[in-house]
Amino acid sequence: MLVEGPVDLVTADGDRVCSDRFMVAVCTCRRSKNYPLCDTSHRRKVRSTDPE
């Protein structure tokens, strides 16, 4: 989800995340290692090792 910045986010456990960028990508899939900010982890696909 793209949000116009700057942003100041508070996570469920009370941590505060600030970004002064003009546009901020917020993670909605919870795959990001940089949660709550998006690191594009949602783009990675798991490939099957089974030959079809």
N, C-alpha and C. Protein backbone atom coordinates (compact mmCIF):
# COMPACT_ATOMS: atom_id res chain seq x y z
N MET A 1 0.86 -1.16 0.00
CA MET A 1 0.00 0.00 0.00
C MET A 1 0.91 1.23 0.00
N LEU A 2 0.69 2.14 -0.92
CA LEU A 2 1.47 3.37 -0.98
C LEU A 2 0.75 4.48 -0.22
N VAL A 3 1.52 5.18 0.61
CA VAL A 3 0.98 6.26 1.43
C VAL A 3 1.86 7.49 1.21
N GLU A 4 1.23 8.65 1.05
CA GLU A 4 2.01 9.88 0.93
C GLU A 4 2.68 10.16 2.26
N GLY A 5 3.98 10.43 2.21
CA GLY A 5 4.76 10.66 3.42
C GLY A 5 4.86 12.14 3.73
N PRO A 6 5.52 12.46 4.78
CA PRO A 6 6.14 11.54 5.75
C PRO A 6 5.09 10.84 6.60
N VAL A 7 5.49 9.68 7.15
CA VAL A 7 4.56 8.90 7.97
C VAL A 7 5.18 8.56 9.31
N ASP A 8 4.33 8.35 10.28
CA ASP A 8 4.72 7.93 11.62
C ASP A 8 3.76 6.80 11.99
N LEU A 9 4.26 5.55 11.97
CA LEU A 9 3.43 4.38 12.22
C LEU A 9 3.69 3.82 13.60
N VAL A 10 2.66 3.31 14.24
CA VAL A 10 2.79 2.63 15.52
C VAL A 10 2.30 1.20 15.31
N THR A 11 3.16 0.22 15.58
CA THR A 11 2.82 -1.18 15.39
C THR A 11 1.96 -1.69 16.55
N ALA A 12 1.43 -2.90 16.38
CA ALA A 12 0.57 -3.49 17.41
C ALA A 12 1.30 -3.65 18.75
N ASP A 13 2.61 -3.89 18.70
CA ASP A 13 3.36 -4.05 19.95
C ASP A 13 3.91 -2.74 20.51
N GLY A 14 3.51 -1.61 19.89
CA GLY A 14 3.87 -0.31 20.42
C GLY A 14 5.13 0.30 19.85
N ASP A 15 5.83 -0.40 18.95
CA ASP A 15 7.01 0.17 18.32
C ASP A 15 6.59 1.29 17.38
N ARG A 16 7.46 2.28 17.24
CA ARG A 16 7.16 3.42 16.39
C ARG A 16 8.11 3.39 15.20
N VAL A 17 7.56 3.53 14.00
CA VAL A 17 8.35 3.52 12.76
C VAL A 17 8.07 4.83 12.04
N CYS A 18 9.13 5.58 11.76
CA CYS A 18 8.99 6.87 11.09
C CYS A 18 9.71 6.84 9.75
N SER A 19 9.14 7.50 8.76
CA SER A 19 9.78 7.65 7.46
C SER A 19 9.50 9.05 6.96
N ASP A 20 10.55 9.73 6.51
CA ASP A 20 10.38 11.09 6.02
C ASP A 20 10.34 11.16 4.49
N ARG A 21 10.22 10.01 3.84
CA ARG A 21 10.13 9.97 2.38
C ARG A 21 8.80 10.55 1.91
N PHE A 22 8.76 11.02 0.65
CA PHE A 22 7.53 11.62 0.12
C PHE A 22 6.49 10.58 -0.22
N MET A 23 6.91 9.31 -0.45
CA MET A 23 5.99 8.21 -0.71
C MET A 23 6.53 6.99 0.04
N VAL A 24 5.67 6.33 0.81
CA VAL A 24 6.09 5.21 1.65
C VAL A 24 5.26 3.98 1.30
N ALA A 25 5.94 2.84 1.12
CA ALA A 25 5.24 1.58 0.85
C ALA A 25 5.07 0.84 2.18
N VAL A 26 3.82 0.64 2.55
CA VAL A 26 3.49 -0.04 3.81
C VAL A 26 3.09 -1.48 3.47
N CYS A 27 3.66 -2.44 4.18
CA CYS A 27 3.40 -3.87 3.93
C CYS A 27 2.01 -4.25 4.43
N THR A 28 1.26 -4.94 3.58
CA THR A 28 -0.04 -5.45 3.98
C THR A 28 -0.09 -6.97 3.96
N CYS A 29 0.98 -7.62 3.46
CA CYS A 29 0.98 -9.09 3.37
C CYS A 29 1.72 -9.73 4.54
N ARG A 30 2.45 -8.95 5.32
CA ARG A 30 3.22 -9.39 6.49
C ARG A 30 4.41 -10.29 6.13
N ARG A 31 4.85 -10.30 4.87
CA ARG A 31 6.02 -11.09 4.47
C ARG A 31 7.31 -10.29 4.59
N SER A 32 7.21 -9.00 4.75
CA SER A 32 8.38 -8.12 4.77
C SER A 32 9.26 -8.37 5.98
N LYS A 33 10.57 -8.41 5.75
CA LYS A 33 11.52 -8.51 6.86
C LYS A 33 11.69 -7.15 7.53
N ASN A 34 11.16 -6.13 6.88
CA ASN A 34 11.25 -4.75 7.36
C ASN A 34 9.87 -4.25 7.79
N TYR A 35 8.99 -5.17 8.20
CA TYR A 35 7.60 -4.86 8.55
C TYR A 35 7.56 -3.77 9.61
N PRO A 36 6.73 -2.78 9.51
CA PRO A 36 5.57 -2.60 8.66
C PRO A 36 5.87 -1.94 7.32
N LEU A 37 7.14 -1.71 6.99
CA LEU A 37 7.48 -1.15 5.69
C LEU A 37 7.70 -2.27 4.70
N CYS A 38 7.30 -2.06 3.47
CA CYS A 38 7.39 -3.07 2.42
C CYS A 38 8.82 -3.22 1.92
N ASP A 39 9.27 -4.46 1.72
CA ASP A 39 10.57 -4.73 1.10
C ASP A 39 10.40 -5.56 -0.18
N THR A 40 9.22 -5.61 -0.72
CA THR A 40 8.82 -6.33 -1.95
C THR A 40 8.91 -7.84 -1.81
N SER A 41 8.87 -8.37 -0.62
CA SER A 41 8.88 -9.82 -0.41
C SER A 41 7.67 -10.50 -1.04
N HIS A 42 6.57 -9.78 -1.20
CA HIS A 42 5.35 -10.33 -1.79
C HIS A 42 5.57 -10.72 -3.24
N ARG A 43 6.60 -10.21 -3.88
CA ARG A 43 6.87 -10.51 -5.29
C ARG A 43 7.54 -11.86 -5.49
N ARG A 44 8.18 -12.37 -4.46
CA ARG A 44 8.92 -13.63 -4.60
C ARG A 44 7.96 -14.80 -4.67
N LYS A 45 8.22 -15.68 -5.61
CA LYS A 45 7.38 -16.87 -5.77
C LYS A 45 8.17 -18.09 -5.34
N VAL A 46 7.48 -19.05 -4.74
CA VAL A 46 8.11 -20.30 -4.38
C VAL A 46 7.97 -21.23 -5.57
N ARG A 47 9.10 -21.72 -6.07
CA ARG A 47 9.07 -22.59 -7.23
C ARG A 47 9.04 -24.04 -6.81
N SER A 48 8.24 -24.78 -7.49
CA SER A 48 8.12 -26.20 -7.21
C SER A 48 9.32 -26.94 -7.80
N THR A 49 9.80 -27.97 -7.11
CA THR A 49 10.91 -28.78 -7.63
C THR A 49 10.41 -29.98 -8.40
N ASP A 50 9.08 -30.17 -8.42
CA ASP A 50 8.49 -31.28 -9.17
C ASP A 50 8.47 -30.96 -10.65
N PRO A 51 9.00 -31.87 -11.48
CA PRO A 51 8.87 -31.64 -12.92
C PRO A 51 7.44 -31.93 -13.35
N GLU A 52 6.89 -31.09 -14.19
CA GLU A 52 5.49 -31.27 -14.61
C GLU A 52 5.41 -31.98 -15.92
